[in-house]
Amino acid sequence: MFAASAALLVLLLAPAGAAAQTTRLRMRSDNVSDWHESERSDKFTGGTIERRELVAGDPEIWITVNVPSFRLTLWQSGREVKSYFVGVGQKEFPIVIGERRASEVIWNPAWIPPDSGWVRDHPGVRPGQVIRAGSAANPLGKLKIPLGGGYLIHQAKGTGDLGNLVSHGCIRMLKADLYDLAEKIVVARALPVTRRQIARAKLSTKTLQVALDPPVPVDINYDTAVVEGGVLHLYPDVYSDRRNATVERLRAELLASGVAASALDDETLRELLSRVTRRTRFAVDVRSVAEGRALSDGRSLPLVGQPGARKAVVRKQRAGRRAPGD
């Protein structure tokens, strides 16, 4: 597994609206409160995430993943291009938390099972065996993006994987979303692969491989409390052994968002955390928290929904003092 060092430099999104879209570095360590902080946090975006259509030939792209929200986002020059819902590693095989590097994109990948207990118990395969693309025994599907250390982004079995702990440490995406992500990377980086080659790969089992040089940064976070656009989102602590969803962490997040300490009594914060289940999240405007209406104004929502729908619903909430959704 990926071991976090005492001082790990990771990529941070440039603040939205900055005159020059530059990549900053943020120092994170094991003993600071933002070690697992989502890059979507208002602390890093200034409260606004600018969105853009992909720009061909602009190579400044990176990917972020927040595990508790099961959300993967592609960024370009400090703006969000596309967000996708994903499945992640089981508790016994948790996804790595920290910075990785996407080194290549491979259509129709072969699978070489690692020497692990779950492979040895898997009927029909053995460690080190080459399972060709297209085989029913190959769990990778039509495309994979290696992240190093044996970790991958690859095809999900279906929609049931989204929002669930389903893999052995990898990120799973629906085939259409995975194709979309890979093709956006190709266009942004102007990679030496044509549309015709990609189309042929989709219709065949012939392997098509293209290197990412330099690799695309992939920052994987574990944040159960995210203030995004002035809205507090609480997500399930899916790897409960991390003990991320605590009153102390929630209080620190809200204090950093300008909520007065007097509005953050332990009983209310515990009740907010209890509104989250394994299948639902909880969302409320931070102004409602500050004004003592967090429990009445907030709403429990499905964990996996449509990311693009959130902005319009939040605007509606702020106009009518209702809870947000996405």
C-alpha atoms as a PDB file:
ATOM      1  CA  MET A   1       0.000   0.000   0.000  1.00  0.00           C
ATOM      2  CA  PHE A   2       0.952   3.603  -0.455  1.00  0.00           C
ATOM      3  CA  ALA A   3       2.701   4.944   2.650  1.00  0.00           C
ATOM      4  CA  ALA A   4       2.268   8.624   3.447  1.00  0.00           C
ATOM      5  CA  SER A   5       5.524  10.308   4.365  1.00  0.00           C
ATOM      6  CA  ALA A   6       5.787  12.910   7.085  1.00  0.00           C
ATOM      7  CA  ALA A   7       5.941  15.611   4.456  1.00  0.00           C
ATOM      8  CA  LEU A   8       4.299  14.836   1.126  1.00  0.00           C
ATOM      9  CA  LEU A   9       4.130  17.459  -1.593  1.00  0.00           C
ATOM     10  CA  VAL A  10       0.963  17.110  -3.626  1.00  0.00           C
ATOM     11  CA  LEU A  11      -0.642  19.093  -6.387  1.00  0.00           C
ATOM     12  CA  LEU A  12      -3.248  21.659  -5.398  1.00  0.00           C
ATOM     13  CA  LEU A  13      -5.752  23.254  -7.675  1.00  0.00           C
ATOM     14  CA  ALA A  14      -5.065  26.885  -8.467  1.00  0.00           C
ATOM     15  CA  PRO A  15      -7.778  29.100  -6.956  1.00  0.00           C
ATOM     16  CA  ALA A  16     -10.721  29.580  -9.285  1.00  0.00           C
ATOM     17  CA  GLY A  17     -10.619  32.938 -11.036  1.00  0.00           C
ATOM     18  CA  ALA A  18      -6.871  33.348 -10.629  1.00  0.00           C
ATOM     19  CA  ALA A  19      -5.338  35.477 -13.374  1.00  0.00           C
ATOM     20  CA  ALA A  20      -2.659  32.913 -14.100  1.00  0.00           C
ATOM     21  CA  GLN A  21      -3.662  29.275 -13.863  1.00  0.00           C
ATOM     22  CA  THR A  22      -0.609  27.872 -12.110  1.00  0.00           C
ATOM     23  CA  THR A  23      -0.092  24.658 -10.188  1.00  0.00           C
ATOM     24  CA  ARG A  24       0.675  25.204  -6.539  1.00  0.00           C
ATOM     25  CA  LEU A  25       2.154  22.820  -4.042  1.00  0.00           C
ATOM     26  CA  ARG A  26       0.655  22.087  -0.673  1.00  0.00           C
ATOM     27  CA  MET A  27       2.535  20.439   2.179  1.00  0.00           C
ATOM     28  CA  ARG A  28       0.555  17.703   3.901  1.00  0.00           C
ATOM     29  CA  SER A  29       1.672  15.434   6.720  1.00  0.00           C
ATOM     30  CA  ASP A  30       0.316  12.632   8.853  1.00  0.00           C
ATOM     31  CA  ASN A  31      -0.490  14.903  11.761  1.00  0.00           C
ATOM     32  CA  VAL A  32      -2.284  17.818  10.123  1.00  0.00           C
ATOM     33  CA  SER A  33      -6.053  17.978   9.861  1.00  0.00           C
ATOM     34  CA  ASP A  34      -6.179  18.395   6.084  1.00  0.00           C
ATOM     35  CA  TRP A  35      -4.220  15.252   5.218  1.00  0.00           C
ATOM     36  CA  HIS A  36      -7.339  13.743   3.613  1.00  0.00           C
ATOM     37  CA  GLU A  37      -8.973  17.002   2.507  1.00  0.00           C
ATOM     38  CA  SER A  38     -10.907  17.038  -0.749  1.00  0.00           C
ATOM     39  CA  GLU A  39      -9.517  19.301  -3.445  1.00  0.00           C
ATOM     40  CA  ARG A  40     -13.089  20.547  -3.936  1.00  0.00           C
ATOM     41  CA  SER A  41     -12.986  22.242  -0.526  1.00  0.00           C
ATOM     42  CA  ASP A  42     -13.675  25.982  -0.368  1.00  0.00           C
ATOM     43  CA  LYS A  43     -10.324  26.294   1.404  1.00  0.00           C
ATOM     44  CA  PHE A  44      -8.577  25.552  -1.854  1.00  0.00           C
ATOM     45  CA  THR A  45     -11.019  26.800  -4.484  1.00  0.00           C
ATOM     46  CA  GLY A  46     -11.967  30.095  -2.828  1.00  0.00           C
ATOM     47  CA  GLY A  47     -15.605  28.995  -2.665  1.00  0.00           C
ATOM     48  CA  THR A  48     -16.143  28.697  -6.410  1.00  0.00           C
ATOM     49  CA  ILE A  49     -15.267  25.881  -8.765  1.00  0.00           C
ATOM     50  CA  GLU A  50     -15.069  27.202 -12.302  1.00  0.00           C
ATOM     51  CA  ARG A  51     -16.102  24.783 -15.002  1.00  0.00           C
ATOM     52  CA  ARG A  52     -14.953  24.603 -18.597  1.00  0.00           C
ATOM     53  CA  GLU A  53     -15.188  22.517 -21.712  1.00  0.00           C
ATOM     54  CA  LEU A  54     -12.004  20.593 -22.402  1.00  0.00           C
ATOM     55  CA  VAL A  55      -9.434  22.636 -24.329  1.00  0.00           C
ATOM     56  CA  ALA A  56      -7.518  20.611 -26.899  1.00  0.00           C
ATOM     57  CA  GLY A  57      -3.763  20.800 -26.507  1.00  0.00           C
ATOM     58  CA  ASP A  58      -3.771  22.237 -22.968  1.00  0.00           C
ATOM     59  CA  PRO A  59      -1.716  19.564 -21.152  1.00  0.00           C
ATOM     60  CA  GLU A  60      -2.233  20.917 -17.604  1.00  0.00           C
ATOM     61  CA  ILE A  61      -4.661  18.220 -16.502  1.00  0.00           C
ATOM     62  CA  TRP A  62      -4.962  16.189 -13.324  1.00  0.00           C
ATOM     63  CA  ILE A  63      -7.444  13.926 -11.591  1.00  0.00           C
ATOM     64  CA  THR A  64      -8.785  13.994  -8.044  1.00  0.00           C
ATOM     65  CA  VAL A  65     -10.788  11.332  -6.235  1.00  0.00           C
ATOM     66  CA  ASN A  66     -12.616  11.691  -2.935  1.00  0.00           C
ATOM     67  CA  VAL A  67     -13.289   8.174  -1.691  1.00  0.00           C
ATOM     68  CA  PRO A  68     -16.264   8.804   0.688  1.00  0.00           C
ATOM     69  CA  SER A  69     -18.155  10.687  -2.058  1.00  0.00           C
ATOM     70  CA  PHE A  70     -17.175   8.092  -4.697  1.00  0.00           C
ATOM     71  CA  ARG A  71     -16.354  10.934  -7.051  1.00  0.00           C
ATOM     72  CA  LEU A  72     -13.562  11.290  -9.596  1.00  0.00           C
ATOM     73  CA  THR A  73     -12.959  14.663 -11.240  1.00  0.00           C
ATOM     74  CA  LEU A  74     -10.865  15.692 -14.235  1.00  0.00           C
ATOM     75  CA  TRP A  75      -9.380  19.199 -13.981  1.00  0.00           C
ATOM     76  CA  GLN A  76      -7.667  21.361 -16.564  1.00  0.00           C
ATOM     77  CA  SER A  77      -5.736  24.515 -15.653  1.00  0.00           C
ATOM     78  CA  GLY A  78      -7.611  24.921 -12.377  1.00  0.00           C
ATOM     79  CA  ARG A  79     -11.127  24.331 -13.728  1.00  0.00           C
ATOM     80  CA  GLU A  80     -13.405  21.318 -13.544  1.00  0.00           C
ATOM     81  CA  VAL A  81     -13.905  19.583 -16.882  1.00  0.00           C
ATOM     82  CA  LYS A  82     -15.959  16.538 -15.863  1.00  0.00           C
ATOM     83  CA  SER A  83     -16.934  14.652 -12.731  1.00  0.00           C
ATOM     84  CA  TYR A  84     -17.814  10.961 -12.575  1.00  0.00           C
ATOM     85  CA  PHE A  85     -19.098   8.542  -9.939  1.00  0.00           C
ATOM     86  CA  VAL A  86     -16.958   5.489  -9.243  1.00  0.00           C
ATOM     87  CA  GLY A  87     -16.579   2.332  -7.193  1.00  0.00           C
ATOM     88  CA  VAL A  88     -13.535   1.792  -4.979  1.00  0.00           C
ATOM     89  CA  GLY A  89     -11.702  -0.824  -2.959  1.00  0.00           C
ATOM     90  CA  GLN A  90     -13.307  -3.094  -0.402  1.00  0.00           C
ATOM     91  CA  LYS A  91     -12.490  -2.630   3.281  1.00  0.00           C
ATOM     92  CA  GLU A  92     -10.155  -5.621   3.091  1.00  0.00           C
ATOM     93  CA  PHE A  93      -8.450  -4.086   0.031  1.00  0.00           C
ATOM     94  CA  PRO A  94      -8.817  -0.321   0.527  1.00  0.00           C
ATOM     95  CA  ILE A  95      -7.871   2.091  -2.184  1.00  0.00           C
ATOM     96  CA  VAL A  96      -4.608   3.935  -1.654  1.00  0.00           C
ATOM     97  CA  ILE A  97      -4.924   7.436  -0.163  1.00  0.00           C
ATOM     98  CA  GLY A  98      -2.377   9.924  -1.437  1.00  0.00           C
ATOM     99  CA  GLU A  99      -0.825  11.019  -4.680  1.00  0.00           C
ATOM    100  CA  ARG A 100      -0.423   8.651  -7.613  1.00  0.00           C
ATOM    101  CA  ARG A 101       0.587   9.016 -11.270  1.00  0.00           C
ATOM    102  CA  ALA A 102      -1.360   7.824 -14.313  1.00  0.00           C
ATOM    103  CA  SER A 103       1.353   6.550 -16.621  1.00  0.00           C
ATOM    104  CA  GLU A 104      -0.530   5.280 -19.683  1.00  0.00           C
ATOM    105  CA  VAL A 105      -3.902   4.481 -21.199  1.00  0.00           C
ATOM    106  CA  ILE A 106      -4.489   0.939 -22.438  1.00  0.00           C
ATOM    107  CA  TRP A 107      -7.499  -0.179 -24.459  1.00  0.00           C
ATOM    108  CA  ASN A 108      -8.199  -3.934 -24.340  1.00  0.00           C
ATOM    109  CA  PRO A 109      -5.729  -4.671 -21.538  1.00  0.00           C
ATOM    110  CA  ALA A 110      -4.589  -8.124 -20.575  1.00  0.00           C
ATOM    111  CA  TRP A 111      -4.775  -9.071 -16.892  1.00  0.00           C
ATOM    112  CA  ILE A 112      -2.004 -10.776 -14.983  1.00  0.00           C
ATOM    113  CA  PRO A 113      -3.453 -11.870 -11.616  1.00  0.00           C
ATOM    114  CA  PRO A 114      -1.215 -10.936  -8.670  1.00  0.00           C
ATOM    115  CA  ASP A 115      -0.091 -13.473  -6.087  1.00  0.00           C
ATOM    116  CA  SER A 116      -2.725 -12.757  -3.452  1.00  0.00           C
ATOM    117  CA  GLY A 117      -5.293 -14.688  -1.487  1.00  0.00           C
ATOM    118  CA  TRP A 118      -8.274 -13.379  -3.399  1.00  0.00           C
ATOM    119  CA  VAL A 119      -6.722 -14.478  -6.694  1.00  0.00           C
ATOM    120  CA  ARG A 120      -5.886 -17.945  -5.381  1.00  0.00           C
ATOM    121  CA  ASP A 121      -9.537 -18.338  -4.391  1.00  0.00           C
ATOM    122  CA  HIS A 122     -10.727 -17.091  -7.791  1.00  0.00           C
ATOM    123  CA  PRO A 123     -11.794 -20.070  -9.918  1.00  0.00           C
ATOM    124  CA  GLY A 124     -10.150 -20.511 -13.280  1.00  0.00           C
ATOM    125  CA  VAL A 125      -7.134 -18.227 -12.831  1.00  0.00           C
ATOM    126  CA  ARG A 126      -3.753 -18.461 -11.154  1.00  0.00           C
ATOM    127  CA  PRO A 127      -1.182 -15.830 -10.162  1.00  0.00           C
ATOM    128  CA  GLY A 128       1.055 -14.800 -13.064  1.00  0.00           C
ATOM    129  CA  GLN A 129      -1.254 -16.189 -15.724  1.00  0.00           C
ATOM    130  CA  VAL A 130      -1.901 -13.865 -18.690  1.00  0.00           C
ATOM    131  CA  ILE A 131      -5.653 -13.396 -19.118  1.00  0.00           C
ATOM    132  CA  ARG A 132      -6.179 -11.903 -22.551  1.00  0.00           C
ATOM    133  CA  ALA A 133      -8.461  -9.000 -23.391  1.00  0.00           C
ATOM    134  CA  GLY A 134     -12.003 -10.106 -24.100  1.00  0.00           C
ATOM    135  CA  SER A 135     -11.818 -13.143 -21.835  1.00  0.00           C
ATOM    136  CA  ALA A 136     -14.713 -13.597 -19.428  1.00  0.00           C
ATOM    137  CA  ALA A 137     -12.077 -14.152 -16.725  1.00  0.00           C
ATOM    138  CA  ASN A 138     -10.536 -10.708 -17.294  1.00  0.00           C
ATOM    139  CA  PRO A 139     -12.096  -8.252 -14.791  1.00  0.00           C
ATOM    140  CA  LEU A 140     -10.468  -5.125 -16.267  1.00  0.00           C
ATOM    141  CA  GLY A 141     -12.900  -4.688 -19.125  1.00  0.00           C
ATOM    142  CA  LYS A 142     -12.144  -2.581 -22.186  1.00  0.00           C
ATOM    143  CA  LEU A 143      -9.714  -0.044 -20.725  1.00  0.00           C
ATOM    144  CA  LYS A 144      -7.330   0.538 -17.869  1.00  0.00           C
ATOM    145  CA  ILE A 145      -5.255   3.474 -16.644  1.00  0.00           C
ATOM    146  CA  PRO A 146      -2.377   2.262 -14.427  1.00  0.00           C
ATOM    147  CA  LEU A 147      -1.625   4.376 -11.348  1.00  0.00           C
ATOM    148  CA  GLY A 148       1.503   2.537 -10.201  1.00  0.00           C
ATOM    149  CA  GLY A 149       1.954  -0.068  -7.499  1.00  0.00           C
ATOM    150  CA  GLY A 150      -0.617  -2.360  -9.103  1.00  0.00           C
ATOM    151  CA  TYR A 151      -3.434   0.175  -8.718  1.00  0.00           C
ATOM    152  CA  LEU A 152      -5.650   0.934 -11.707  1.00  0.00           C
ATOM    153  CA  ILE A 153      -8.608   2.862 -12.985  1.00  0.00           C
ATOM    154  CA  HIS A 154     -10.578   0.317 -14.998  1.00  0.00           C
ATOM    155  CA  GLN A 155     -14.030  -0.681 -16.186  1.00  0.00           C
ATOM    156  CA  ALA A 156     -16.829  -1.377 -13.710  1.00  0.00           C
ATOM    157  CA  LYS A 157     -19.064  -4.413 -13.976  1.00  0.00           C
ATOM    158  CA  GLY A 158     -22.109  -2.156 -14.101  1.00  0.00           C
ATOM    159  CA  THR A 159     -23.968   0.649 -12.350  1.00  0.00           C
ATOM    160  CA  GLY A 160     -24.093  -1.424  -9.158  1.00  0.00           C
ATOM    161  CA  ASP A 161     -20.377  -0.770  -8.676  1.00  0.00           C
ATOM    162  CA  LEU A 162     -20.883   2.988  -8.362  1.00  0.00           C
ATOM    163  CA  GLY A 163     -20.936   4.215  -4.778  1.00  0.00           C
ATOM    164  CA  ASN A 164     -19.811   0.838  -3.490  1.00  0.00           C
ATOM    165  CA  LEU A 165     -16.758  -0.943  -2.099  1.00  0.00           C
ATOM    166  CA  VAL A 166     -16.314  -3.468  -4.868  1.00  0.00           C
ATOM    167  CA  SER A 167     -12.701  -3.747  -6.003  1.00  0.00           C
ATOM    168  CA  HIS A 168      -9.375  -5.008  -4.731  1.00  0.00           C
ATOM    169  CA  GLY A 169      -7.891  -1.532  -4.402  1.00  0.00           C
ATOM    170  CA  CYS A 170      -8.737  -0.147  -7.848  1.00  0.00           C
ATOM    171  CA  ILE A 171     -11.087   2.580  -9.086  1.00  0.00           C
ATOM    172  CA  ARG A 172     -13.948   1.326 -11.233  1.00  0.00           C
ATOM    173  CA  MET A 173     -15.823   3.469 -13.754  1.00  0.00           C
ATOM    174  CA  LEU A 174     -18.655   2.751 -16.151  1.00  0.00           C
ATOM    175  CA  LYS A 175     -17.358   1.906 -19.621  1.00  0.00           C
ATOM    176  CA  ALA A 176     -18.856   5.026 -21.233  1.00  0.00           C
ATOM    177  CA  ASP A 177     -17.370   7.252 -18.516  1.00  0.00           C
ATOM    178  CA  LEU A 178     -14.000   5.534 -18.759  1.00  0.00           C
ATOM    179  CA  TYR A 179     -13.938   5.981 -22.538  1.00  0.00           C
ATOM    180  CA  ASP A 180     -14.867   9.646 -22.061  1.00  0.00           C
ATOM    181  CA  LEU A 181     -12.116  10.223 -19.490  1.00  0.00           C
ATOM    182  CA  ALA A 182      -9.481   8.503 -21.620  1.00  0.00           C
ATOM    183  CA  GLU A 183     -10.434  10.413 -24.756  1.00  0.00           C
ATOM    184  CA  LYS A 184     -10.354  13.728 -22.897  1.00  0.00           C
ATOM    185  CA  ILE A 185      -6.829  12.898 -21.716  1.00  0.00           C
ATOM    186  CA  VAL A 186      -5.847  12.063 -25.303  1.00  0.00           C
ATOM    187  CA  VAL A 187      -7.199  15.382 -26.607  1.00  0.00           C
ATOM    188  CA  ALA A 188      -5.718  17.506 -23.824  1.00  0.00           C
ATOM    189  CA  ARG A 189      -2.290  15.948 -24.146  1.00  0.00           C
ATOM    190  CA  ALA A 190      -2.437  15.710 -27.971  1.00  0.00           C
ATOM    191  CA  LEU A 191      -1.370  12.076 -27.676  1.00  0.00           C
ATOM    192  CA  PRO A 192      -0.203  10.129 -30.738  1.00  0.00           C
ATOM    193  CA  VAL A 193      -3.359   8.062 -31.195  1.00  0.00           C
ATOM    194  CA  THR A 194      -6.130   8.739 -33.697  1.00  0.00           C
ATOM    195  CA  ARG A 195      -9.894   8.597 -33.390  1.00  0.00           C
ATOM    196  CA  ARG A 196      -9.898   5.768 -35.900  1.00  0.00           C
ATOM    197  CA  GLN A 197      -7.455   3.749 -33.788  1.00  0.00           C
ATOM    198  CA  ILE A 198      -9.600   4.283 -30.701  1.00  0.00           C
ATOM    199  CA  ALA A 199     -12.764   3.332 -32.587  1.00  0.00           C
ATOM    200  CA  ARG A 200     -11.116   0.126 -33.794  1.00  0.00           C
ATOM    201  CA  ALA A 201      -9.990  -0.712 -30.257  1.00  0.00           C
ATOM    202  CA  LYS A 202     -13.547  -0.343 -29.002  1.00  0.00           C
ATOM    203  CA  LEU A 203     -14.781  -2.832 -31.597  1.00  0.00           C
ATOM    204  CA  SER A 204     -11.991  -5.387 -31.170  1.00  0.00           C
ATOM    205  CA  THR A 205      -9.854  -7.062 -28.526  1.00  0.00           C
ATOM    206  CA  LYS A 206      -6.583  -5.812 -29.990  1.00  0.00           C
ATOM    207  CA  THR A 207      -4.530  -3.927 -27.405  1.00  0.00           C
ATOM    208  CA  LEU A 208      -3.900  -0.217 -27.983  1.00  0.00           C
ATOM    209  CA  GLN A 209      -1.451   1.427 -25.628  1.00  0.00           C
ATOM    210  CA  VAL A 210      -0.377   5.072 -25.307  1.00  0.00           C
ATOM    211  CA  ALA A 211       2.073   6.482 -22.748  1.00  0.00           C
ATOM    212  CA  LEU A 212       1.417   9.576 -20.646  1.00  0.00           C
ATOM    213  CA  ASP A 213       4.640  11.560 -20.535  1.00  0.00           C
ATOM    214  CA  PRO A 214       4.711  13.275 -18.165  1.00  0.00           C
ATOM    215  CA  PRO A 215       2.261  11.175 -16.128  1.00  0.00           C
ATOM    216  CA  VAL A 216      -1.075  12.676 -15.153  1.00  0.00           C
ATOM    217  CA  PRO A 217      -1.231  13.418 -11.388  1.00  0.00           C
ATOM    218  CA  VAL A 218      -3.996  11.584  -9.519  1.00  0.00           C
ATOM    219  CA  ASP A 219      -4.677  12.887  -6.001  1.00  0.00           C
ATOM    220  CA  ILE A 220      -6.789  10.467  -3.956  1.00  0.00           C
ATOM    221  CA  ASN A 221      -8.364  11.927  -0.817  1.00  0.00           C
ATOM    222  CA  TYR A 222     -10.470  10.682   2.072  1.00  0.00           C
ATOM    223  CA  ASP A 223     -12.719  13.523   3.221  1.00  0.00           C
ATOM    224  CA  THR A 224     -16.081  12.868   4.872  1.00  0.00           C
ATOM    225  CA  ALA A 225     -16.890  16.568   5.470  1.00  0.00           C
ATOM    226  CA  VAL A 226     -16.496  18.921   2.516  1.00  0.00           C
ATOM    227  CA  VAL A 227     -17.621  22.551   2.360  1.00  0.00           C
ATOM    228  CA  GLU A 228     -18.052  23.216  -1.349  1.00  0.00           C
ATOM    229  CA  GLY A 229     -19.632  26.425  -2.612  1.00  0.00           C
ATOM    230  CA  GLY A 230     -20.793  27.308   0.890  1.00  0.00           C
ATOM    231  CA  VAL A 231     -22.582  23.992   1.341  1.00  0.00           C
ATOM    232  CA  LEU A 232     -21.524  21.377   3.885  1.00  0.00           C
ATOM    233  CA  HIS A 233     -21.561  17.850   2.449  1.00  0.00           C
ATOM    234  CA  LEU A 234     -21.235  14.938   4.866  1.00  0.00           C
ATOM    235  CA  TYR A 235     -20.321  11.564   3.380  1.00  0.00           C
ATOM    236  CA  PRO A 236     -20.168   8.090   4.963  1.00  0.00           C
ATOM    237  CA  ASP A 237     -16.944   7.013   6.640  1.00  0.00           C
ATOM    238  CA  VAL A 238     -16.706   3.973   4.366  1.00  0.00           C
ATOM    239  CA  TYR A 239     -13.329   2.891   5.765  1.00  0.00           C
ATOM    240  CA  SER A 240     -14.476   3.298   9.360  1.00  0.00           C
ATOM    241  CA  ASP A 241     -11.088   2.304  10.751  1.00  0.00           C
ATOM    242  CA  ARG A 242      -9.829   5.711   9.606  1.00  0.00           C
ATOM    243  CA  ARG A 243     -12.159   7.412  12.119  1.00  0.00           C
ATOM    244  CA  ASN A 244     -12.497  10.411   9.838  1.00  0.00           C
ATOM    245  CA  ALA A 245     -16.113  11.324  10.634  1.00  0.00           C
ATOM    246  CA  THR A 246     -15.613  12.845  14.077  1.00  0.00           C
ATOM    247  CA  VAL A 247     -17.070  15.826  15.908  1.00  0.00           C
ATOM    248  CA  GLU A 248     -13.608  17.362  16.109  1.00  0.00           C
ATOM    249  CA  ARG A 249     -12.971  17.164  12.364  1.00  0.00           C
ATOM    250  CA  LEU A 250     -16.431  18.473  11.531  1.00  0.00           C
ATOM    251  CA  ARG A 251     -16.014  21.396  13.933  1.00  0.00           C
ATOM    252  CA  ALA A 252     -12.624  22.266  12.405  1.00  0.00           C
ATOM    253  CA  GLU A 253     -14.119  22.214   8.893  1.00  0.00           C
ATOM    254  CA  LEU A 254     -16.963  24.526   9.860  1.00  0.00           C
ATOM    255  CA  LEU A 255     -14.729  26.891  11.824  1.00  0.00           C
ATOM    256  CA  ALA A 256     -12.497  27.180   8.774  1.00  0.00           C
ATOM    257  CA  SER A 257     -15.612  28.136   6.803  1.00  0.00           C
ATOM    258  CA  GLY A 258     -16.418  31.016   9.134  1.00  0.00           C
ATOM    259  CA  VAL A 259     -19.047  29.420  11.367  1.00  0.00           C
ATOM    260  CA  ALA A 260     -18.810  30.757  14.925  1.00  0.00           C
ATOM    261  CA  ALA A 261     -17.808  28.278  17.618  1.00  0.00           C
ATOM    262  CA  SER A 262     -20.973  29.128  19.586  1.00  0.00           C
ATOM    263  CA  ALA A 263     -23.057  27.451  16.874  1.00  0.00           C
ATOM    264  CA  LEU A 264     -21.064  24.227  16.986  1.00  0.00           C
ATOM    265  CA  ASP A 265     -22.086  22.391  20.135  1.00  0.00           C
ATOM    266  CA  ASP A 266     -21.155  18.723  20.353  1.00  0.00           C
ATOM    267  CA  GLU A 267     -24.741  17.479  20.463  1.00  0.00           C
ATOM    268  CA  THR A 268     -25.691  19.186  17.195  1.00  0.00           C
ATOM    269  CA  LEU A 269     -22.542  18.032  15.431  1.00  0.00           C
ATOM    270  CA  ARG A 270     -23.074  14.444  16.571  1.00  0.00           C
ATOM    271  CA  GLU A 271     -26.643  14.600  15.294  1.00  0.00           C
ATOM    272  CA  LEU A 272     -25.450  15.921  11.917  1.00  0.00           C
ATOM    273  CA  LEU A 273     -22.996  13.046  11.604  1.00  0.00           C
ATOM    274  CA  SER A 274     -25.713  10.549  12.524  1.00  0.00           C
ATOM    275  CA  ARG A 275     -27.819  11.686   9.561  1.00  0.00           C
ATOM    276  CA  VAL A 276     -25.342  10.007   7.185  1.00  0.00           C
ATOM    277  CA  THR A 277     -25.763   6.338   6.293  1.00  0.00           C
ATOM    278  CA  ARG A 278     -23.781   3.995   4.096  1.00  0.00           C
ATOM    279  CA  ARG A 279     -26.141   4.809   1.210  1.00  0.00           C
ATOM    280  CA  THR A 280     -26.870   8.472   1.885  1.00  0.00           C
ATOM    281  CA  ARG A 281     -25.089  11.762   2.397  1.00  0.00           C
ATOM    282  CA  PHE A 282     -26.241  14.867   4.243  1.00  0.00           C
ATOM    283  CA  ALA A 283     -26.105  18.411   2.861  1.00  0.00           C
ATOM    284  CA  VAL A 284     -26.846  21.800   4.379  1.00  0.00           C
ATOM    285  CA  ASP A 285     -25.876  25.407   3.702  1.00  0.00           C
ATOM    286  CA  VAL A 286     -23.227  26.597   6.161  1.00  0.00           C
ATOM    287  CA  ARG A 287     -25.387  29.670   6.818  1.00  0.00           C
ATOM    288  CA  SER A 288     -28.073  27.374   8.188  1.00  0.00           C
ATOM    289  CA  VAL A 289     -25.456  25.846  10.488  1.00  0.00           C
ATOM    290  CA  ALA A 290     -24.350  29.288  11.671  1.00  0.00           C
ATOM    291  CA  GLU A 291     -27.958  30.330  12.321  1.00  0.00           C
ATOM    292  CA  GLY A 292     -28.807  27.200  14.309  1.00  0.00           C
ATOM    293  CA  ARG A 293     -30.992  25.546  11.656  1.00  0.00           C
ATOM    294  CA  ALA A 294     -28.627  22.826  10.468  1.00  0.00           C
ATOM    295  CA  LEU A 295     -30.860  19.930  11.489  1.00  0.00           C
ATOM    296  CA  SER A 296     -34.100  21.426  10.180  1.00  0.00           C
ATOM    297  CA  ASP A 297     -32.717  22.816   6.918  1.00  0.00           C
ATOM    298  CA  GLY A 298     -30.388  19.958   5.993  1.00  0.00           C
ATOM    299  CA  ARG A 299     -31.438  16.976   3.942  1.00  0.00           C
ATOM    300  CA  SER A 300     -30.370  13.371   3.543  1.00  0.00           C
ATOM    301  CA  LEU A 301     -29.761  12.586  -0.124  1.00  0.00           C
ATOM    302  CA  PRO A 302     -28.706   9.559  -2.167  1.00  0.00           C
ATOM    303  CA  LEU A 303     -24.956   9.049  -2.049  1.00  0.00           C
ATOM    304  CA  VAL A 304     -24.632   8.670  -5.803  1.00  0.00           C
ATOM    305  CA  GLY A 305     -26.469  11.116  -8.036  1.00  0.00           C
ATOM    306  CA  GLN A 306     -25.782  13.487 -10.888  1.00  0.00           C
ATOM    307  CA  PRO A 307     -22.865  15.839  -9.992  1.00  0.00           C
ATOM    308  CA  GLY A 308     -23.885  18.455 -12.548  1.00  0.00           C
ATOM    309  CA  ALA A 309     -27.347  18.879 -11.021  1.00  0.00           C
ATOM    310  CA  ARG A 310     -26.084  20.179  -7.677  1.00  0.00           C
ATOM    311  CA  LYS A 311     -25.413  23.782  -8.634  1.00  0.00           C
ATOM    312  CA  ALA A 312     -28.976  24.545  -9.740  1.00  0.00           C
ATOM    313  CA  VAL A 313     -30.484  22.900  -6.660  1.00  0.00           C
ATOM    314  CA  VAL A 314     -28.183  24.789  -4.312  1.00  0.00           C
ATOM    315  CA  ARG A 315     -29.203  28.070  -5.927  1.00  0.00           C
ATOM    316  CA  LYS A 316     -32.826  27.096  -5.372  1.00  0.00           C
ATOM    317  CA  GLN A 317     -32.120  26.263  -1.738  1.00  0.00           C
ATOM    318  CA  ARG A 318     -30.410  29.559  -1.071  1.00  0.00           C
ATOM    319  CA  ALA A 319     -33.320  31.414  -2.597  1.00  0.00           C
ATOM    320  CA  GLY A 320     -35.927  29.461  -0.640  1.00  0.00           C
ATOM    321  CA  ARG A 321     -33.851  28.376   2.395  1.00  0.00           C
ATOM    322  CA  ARG A 322     -34.113  24.720   1.372  1.00  0.00           C
ATOM    323  CA  ALA A 323     -31.411  22.088   1.520  1.00  0.00           C
ATOM    324  CA  PRO A 324     -29.071  21.519  -1.415  1.00  0.00           C
ATOM    325  CA  GLY A 325     -28.603  18.451  -3.509  1.00  0.00           C
ATOM    326  CA  ASP A 326     -26.557  17.246  -6.422  1.00  0.00           C
END
